[in-house]
Amino acid sequence: LPMTSASPLASPAASPPAPVPMSGTAGVAAPRVAPPLGMPGGGTTRRSPSISALLMQCTPSTHKATLRALALAARSEESEAWEKHFGRALILVLDSLSQKEIQGIRETALLCLQELIAGQPDFFKDFAEVVASRLFETYRACDTPAEKHTAAMVDRTLERLLGVIEPSRALEILVPVINAESAPLLQMATRMVSTLLQRMPPSNADVRKAAVFCLVDVYMSLGEQAMPFLVKDLTPSQMKLVTIYIGRQQREREELGQAASFAHGQDGTQSCD
């Protein structure tokens, strides 16, 4: 029986053949172009430039791009690849922190430094004091409300740095700041010391006591305006200990003041005689 188009056994209509892409020469099919390396369907992934190449190719126009690439390499490259070039990379990053006139360069350098600390912490054991000093300088330079975000980034970077070294060494870095600086850098150092107290094991009594004395010095310098920072960052037991030492320090100063006044009065009496 002849099959009609309505019959379920009828063959479907044949679809027209797909057009063949042609090149400029008639009748010759254009070759299929493979996707670039590193793109979807491209097979292999393009290898990132080496750390040495990144440093050699860094120019003023590629400065921020180089810092971003180094930040990626901090986590993707092994320590062996960094060993020969870490010093040069660190110099580039630290020098970038002082380039306040170039928009966004300090923030990019701080992000790069954070990634280096997280990805290659062992290298900072030889450079902790130098890096901390440059971070303190950058924090001091953030003297306008518009730079509040940059100051917060410095704070986070310094906290990461102090977190990868021994608490006793971190305390040695902070003590000169506490003894010589004023707010707001002093307030930041106070919070860092409070954080160190959280990290110190109970067996490390000498370092814990030194940290408490630092916080006492902060209170003696700032007075009651230091209390909100101490209450916020210390546990109740730590706060109680700091308060005890603050009371002792205040009594010692009062006694010294009274002794000095008495001695001065005695000298005045003798001179009148």
Protein backbone atom coordinates (compact mmCIF):
# COMPACT_ATOMS: atom_id res chain seq x y z
CA LEU A 1 0.00 0.00 0.00
CA PRO A 2 1.31 3.48 -0.71
CA MET A 3 2.29 5.37 2.41
CA THR A 4 0.88 8.78 2.92
CA SER A 5 2.51 11.60 4.83
CA ALA A 6 -0.04 11.01 7.59
CA SER A 7 1.05 7.38 8.03
CA PRO A 8 3.10 6.70 11.18
CA LEU A 9 5.49 4.61 9.07
CA ALA A 10 6.35 7.48 6.77
CA SER A 11 10.02 8.54 6.82
CA PRO A 12 10.70 11.98 8.27
CA ALA A 13 11.59 14.67 5.82
CA ALA A 14 15.30 14.77 5.21
CA SER A 15 16.93 17.90 6.64
CA PRO A 16 19.10 19.93 4.31
CA PRO A 17 22.86 19.33 4.64
CA ALA A 18 24.78 21.74 6.90
CA PRO A 19 26.62 24.39 4.95
CA VAL A 20 30.37 23.92 4.72
CA PRO A 21 32.36 27.05 5.56
CA MET A 22 34.40 28.07 2.55
CA SER A 23 37.63 29.98 2.34
CA GLY A 24 38.42 32.62 -0.23
CA THR A 25 39.10 29.91 -2.82
CA ALA A 26 35.91 28.50 -4.22
CA GLY A 27 35.20 24.94 -3.32
CA VAL A 28 37.85 24.62 -0.59
CA ALA A 29 36.62 24.16 3.00
CA ALA A 30 38.04 26.61 5.53
CA PRO A 31 40.25 24.94 8.15
CA ARG A 32 38.86 24.70 11.69
CA VAL A 33 40.68 27.11 14.01
CA ALA A 34 41.59 25.66 17.42
CA PRO A 35 40.70 27.71 20.50
CA PRO A 36 43.60 29.61 22.05
CA LEU A 37 45.54 28.03 24.87
CA GLY A 38 43.95 28.59 28.23
CA MET A 39 40.46 29.10 26.71
CA PRO A 40 37.56 26.62 27.01
CA GLY A 41 38.12 23.76 24.61
CA GLY A 42 41.73 24.74 24.08
CA GLY A 43 43.24 21.58 25.53
CA THR A 44 46.14 22.75 27.67
CA THR A 45 46.29 25.80 29.92
CA ARG A 46 48.67 28.63 29.17
CA ARG A 47 51.52 28.66 31.71
CA SER A 48 51.79 31.81 33.80
CA PRO A 49 54.99 33.87 33.49
CA SER A 50 57.71 32.95 35.94
CA ILE A 51 58.40 35.15 38.96
CA SER A 52 61.67 36.21 37.38
CA ALA A 53 59.90 37.23 34.16
CA LEU A 54 57.29 39.21 36.08
CA LEU A 55 59.96 41.19 37.89
CA MET A 56 62.03 41.80 34.75
CA GLN A 57 59.05 42.99 32.72
CA CYS A 58 57.73 45.36 35.39
CA THR A 59 57.44 48.93 34.08
CA PRO A 60 55.50 51.97 35.33
CA SER A 61 52.67 51.07 32.96
CA THR A 62 52.51 47.44 34.17
CA HIS A 63 53.27 48.11 37.84
CA LYS A 64 49.86 47.26 39.27
CA ALA A 65 49.43 44.29 36.91
CA THR A 66 52.78 42.92 38.11
CA LEU A 67 51.72 43.24 41.75
CA ARG A 68 48.48 41.40 41.00
CA ALA A 69 50.36 38.65 39.17
CA LEU A 70 52.79 38.28 42.08
CA ALA A 71 49.83 38.00 44.45
CA LEU A 72 48.49 35.08 42.40
CA ALA A 73 51.92 33.47 42.25
CA ALA A 74 52.22 33.70 46.04
CA ARG A 75 49.72 30.85 46.36
CA SER A 76 50.24 29.00 43.08
CA GLU A 77 54.05 28.75 43.09
CA GLU A 78 56.06 26.56 45.44
CA SER A 79 58.62 28.00 47.83
CA GLU A 80 61.46 26.73 45.62
CA ALA A 81 60.31 29.05 42.83
CA TRP A 82 60.26 31.99 45.25
CA GLU A 83 63.56 31.33 46.98
CA LYS A 84 65.77 33.22 44.51
CA HIS A 85 63.35 36.06 43.82
CA PHE A 86 61.53 36.75 47.09
CA GLY A 87 63.86 39.57 48.13
CA ARG A 88 63.39 41.43 44.83
CA ALA A 89 59.63 40.93 44.91
CA LEU A 90 59.44 42.20 48.49
CA ILE A 91 61.45 45.32 47.62
CA LEU A 92 59.04 46.04 44.77
CA VAL A 93 56.04 45.65 47.07
CA LEU A 94 57.47 47.75 49.91
CA ASP A 95 58.59 50.53 47.55
CA SER A 96 55.06 50.61 46.15
CA LEU A 97 53.69 51.44 49.62
CA SER A 98 55.35 54.85 49.49
CA GLN A 99 53.95 55.77 46.06
CA LYS A 100 50.97 57.63 47.39
CA GLU A 101 50.64 59.76 44.27
CA ILE A 102 49.76 56.79 42.03
CA GLN A 103 46.09 55.96 42.44
CA GLY A 104 45.44 52.48 43.78
CA ILE A 105 49.08 51.38 43.90
CA ARG A 106 49.30 51.21 47.71
CA GLU A 107 46.11 49.18 47.97
CA THR A 108 47.32 46.75 45.29
CA ALA A 109 50.67 46.43 47.06
CA LEU A 110 48.95 45.73 50.38
CA LEU A 111 46.81 43.01 48.80
CA CYS A 112 49.95 41.51 47.25
CA LEU A 113 51.72 41.63 50.62
CA GLN A 114 48.79 39.91 52.32
CA GLU A 115 48.91 37.11 49.76
CA LEU A 116 52.67 36.75 50.13
CA ILE A 117 52.33 36.43 53.90
CA ALA A 118 49.56 33.86 53.52
CA GLY A 119 51.21 31.86 50.73
CA GLN A 120 54.91 32.14 51.66
CA PRO A 121 55.01 32.80 55.42
CA ASP A 122 58.41 31.25 56.09
CA PHE A 123 60.24 33.91 54.06
CA PHE A 124 59.00 36.64 56.39
CA LYS A 125 60.96 35.28 59.33
CA ASP A 126 63.98 37.13 57.95
CA PHE A 127 62.12 40.35 57.08
CA ALA A 128 59.44 40.81 59.76
CA GLU A 129 60.92 43.94 61.35
CA VAL A 130 61.57 45.63 58.00
CA VAL A 131 58.07 44.89 56.72
CA ALA A 132 56.45 46.03 59.98
CA SER A 133 58.39 49.29 59.88
CA ARG A 134 57.17 50.07 56.37
CA LEU A 135 53.61 49.22 57.37
CA PHE A 136 53.84 51.63 60.32
CA GLU A 137 55.07 54.35 57.95
CA THR A 138 52.20 53.68 55.56
CA TYR A 139 49.71 53.83 58.43
CA ARG A 140 51.07 57.21 59.56
CA ALA A 141 50.72 58.52 55.99
CA CYS A 142 46.98 57.71 55.96
CA ASP A 143 46.11 61.09 57.44
CA THR A 144 42.86 61.91 55.63
CA PRO A 145 39.34 60.47 55.94
CA ALA A 146 39.56 59.31 52.32
CA GLU A 147 42.44 56.99 53.30
CA LYS A 148 40.50 55.18 56.01
CA HIS A 149 40.15 52.11 53.80
CA THR A 150 43.91 52.03 53.16
CA ALA A 151 44.61 52.31 56.90
CA ALA A 152 42.29 49.35 57.54
CA MET A 153 44.20 47.33 54.93
CA VAL A 154 47.49 48.16 56.68
CA ASP A 155 45.93 46.99 59.94
CA ARG A 156 44.94 43.63 58.44
CA THR A 157 48.32 43.17 56.76
CA LEU A 158 50.22 43.86 59.99
CA GLU A 159 47.98 41.44 61.86
CA ARG A 160 48.77 38.74 59.31
CA LEU A 161 52.49 39.47 59.57
CA LEU A 162 52.54 39.25 63.38
CA GLY A 163 50.53 36.04 63.13
CA VAL A 164 53.29 34.15 61.28
CA ILE A 165 56.12 34.94 63.71
CA GLU A 166 56.67 34.05 67.36
CA PRO A 167 54.57 36.06 69.84
CA SER A 168 57.68 37.21 71.71
CA ARG A 169 59.17 38.62 68.51
CA ALA A 170 55.88 40.25 67.58
CA LEU A 171 55.81 41.91 70.99
CA GLU A 172 59.33 43.25 70.45
CA ILE A 173 58.10 44.88 67.24
CA LEU A 174 55.14 46.51 68.99
CA VAL A 175 56.87 47.75 72.16
CA PRO A 176 58.73 50.68 70.50
CA VAL A 177 55.45 51.81 68.91
CA ILE A 178 53.67 51.75 72.25
CA ASN A 179 56.47 53.66 73.94
CA ALA A 180 56.85 56.36 71.29
CA GLU A 181 53.69 56.74 69.23
CA SER A 182 50.42 58.55 69.82
CA ALA A 183 46.91 57.73 68.64
CA PRO A 184 45.76 56.32 66.26
CA LEU A 185 48.86 54.17 65.70
CA LEU A 186 49.09 53.57 69.43
CA GLN A 187 45.50 52.33 69.44
CA MET A 188 46.27 49.91 66.63
CA ALA A 189 49.32 48.61 68.50
CA THR A 190 47.17 48.16 71.60
CA ARG A 191 44.79 45.94 69.69
CA MET A 192 47.71 43.95 68.29
CA VAL A 193 49.10 43.32 71.77
CA SER A 194 45.66 42.22 72.93
CA THR A 195 45.53 39.78 70.02
CA LEU A 196 48.97 38.44 70.95
CA LEU A 197 47.70 37.70 74.44
CA GLN A 198 45.07 35.44 72.91
CA ARG A 199 47.78 33.49 71.03
CA MET A 200 50.20 33.03 73.91
CA PRO A 201 50.09 29.68 75.70
CA PRO A 202 49.74 29.79 79.50
CA SER A 203 53.24 28.34 79.85
CA ASN A 204 54.77 31.43 78.23
CA ALA A 205 54.45 33.45 81.43
CA ASP A 206 57.29 35.91 80.85
CA VAL A 207 56.02 37.01 77.44
CA ARG A 208 52.45 37.25 78.73
CA LYS A 209 53.61 39.45 81.60
CA ALA A 210 55.54 41.67 79.16
CA ALA A 211 52.41 42.03 77.04
CA VAL A 212 50.39 43.03 80.10
CA PHE A 213 52.98 45.66 80.99
CA CYS A 214 52.69 47.04 77.43
CA LEU A 215 48.95 47.45 77.86
CA VAL A 216 49.52 49.14 81.22
CA ASP A 217 51.87 51.59 79.50
CA VAL A 218 49.20 52.26 76.90
CA TYR A 219 46.70 53.10 79.63
CA MET A 220 49.18 55.34 81.43
CA SER A 221 49.75 57.20 78.13
CA LEU A 222 46.13 57.49 76.95
CA GLY A 223 44.20 57.35 80.20
CA GLU A 224 40.55 56.34 80.19
CA GLN A 225 40.27 56.65 76.40
CA ALA A 226 42.29 53.42 76.17
CA MET A 227 39.68 51.47 78.14
CA PRO A 228 37.24 50.82 75.25
CA PHE A 229 40.03 49.18 73.25
CA LEU A 230 41.13 47.04 76.17
CA VAL A 231 37.61 45.95 77.08
CA LYS A 232 36.85 45.10 73.46
CA ASP A 233 39.92 42.93 72.81
CA LEU A 234 40.67 41.30 76.18
CA THR A 235 38.91 38.47 77.94
CA PRO A 236 37.43 39.26 81.38
CA SER A 237 40.30 37.48 83.17
CA GLN A 238 42.91 39.33 81.09
CA MET A 239 41.13 42.62 81.70
CA LYS A 240 41.14 41.94 85.43
CA LEU A 241 44.89 41.25 85.36
CA VAL A 242 45.61 44.43 83.38
CA THR A 243 43.45 46.47 85.76
CA ILE A 244 45.39 45.13 88.77
CA TYR A 245 48.70 46.18 87.23
CA ILE A 246 47.27 49.57 86.24
CA GLY A 247 46.31 50.12 89.89
CA ARG A 248 49.81 49.17 91.03
CA GLN A 249 51.40 51.51 88.50
CA GLN A 250 49.17 54.38 89.58
CA ARG A 251 50.02 53.85 93.25
CA GLU A 252 53.74 53.72 92.48
CA ARG A 253 53.53 56.99 90.56
CA GLU A 254 51.59 58.65 93.36
CA GLU A 255 54.15 57.50 95.92
CA LEU A 256 57.01 58.75 93.76
CA GLY A 257 55.25 62.07 93.30
CA GLN A 258 54.68 62.45 97.03
CA ALA A 259 58.31 61.56 97.75
CA ALA A 260 59.52 64.09 95.19
CA SER A 261 57.26 66.80 96.65
CA PHE A 262 58.46 66.03 100.17
CA ALA A 263 62.10 66.13 99.06
CA HIS A 264 61.51 69.43 97.27
CA GLY A 265 59.89 70.86 100.40
CA GLN A 266 62.80 69.73 102.52
CA ASP A 267 65.25 71.41 100.15
CA GLY A 268 63.25 74.64 100.36
CA THR A 269 63.25 74.58 104.15
CA GLN A 270 66.99 74.02 104.33
CA SER A 271 67.67 76.87 101.92
CA CYS A 272 65.58 79.24 104.09
CA ASP A 273 67.59 78.21 107.15
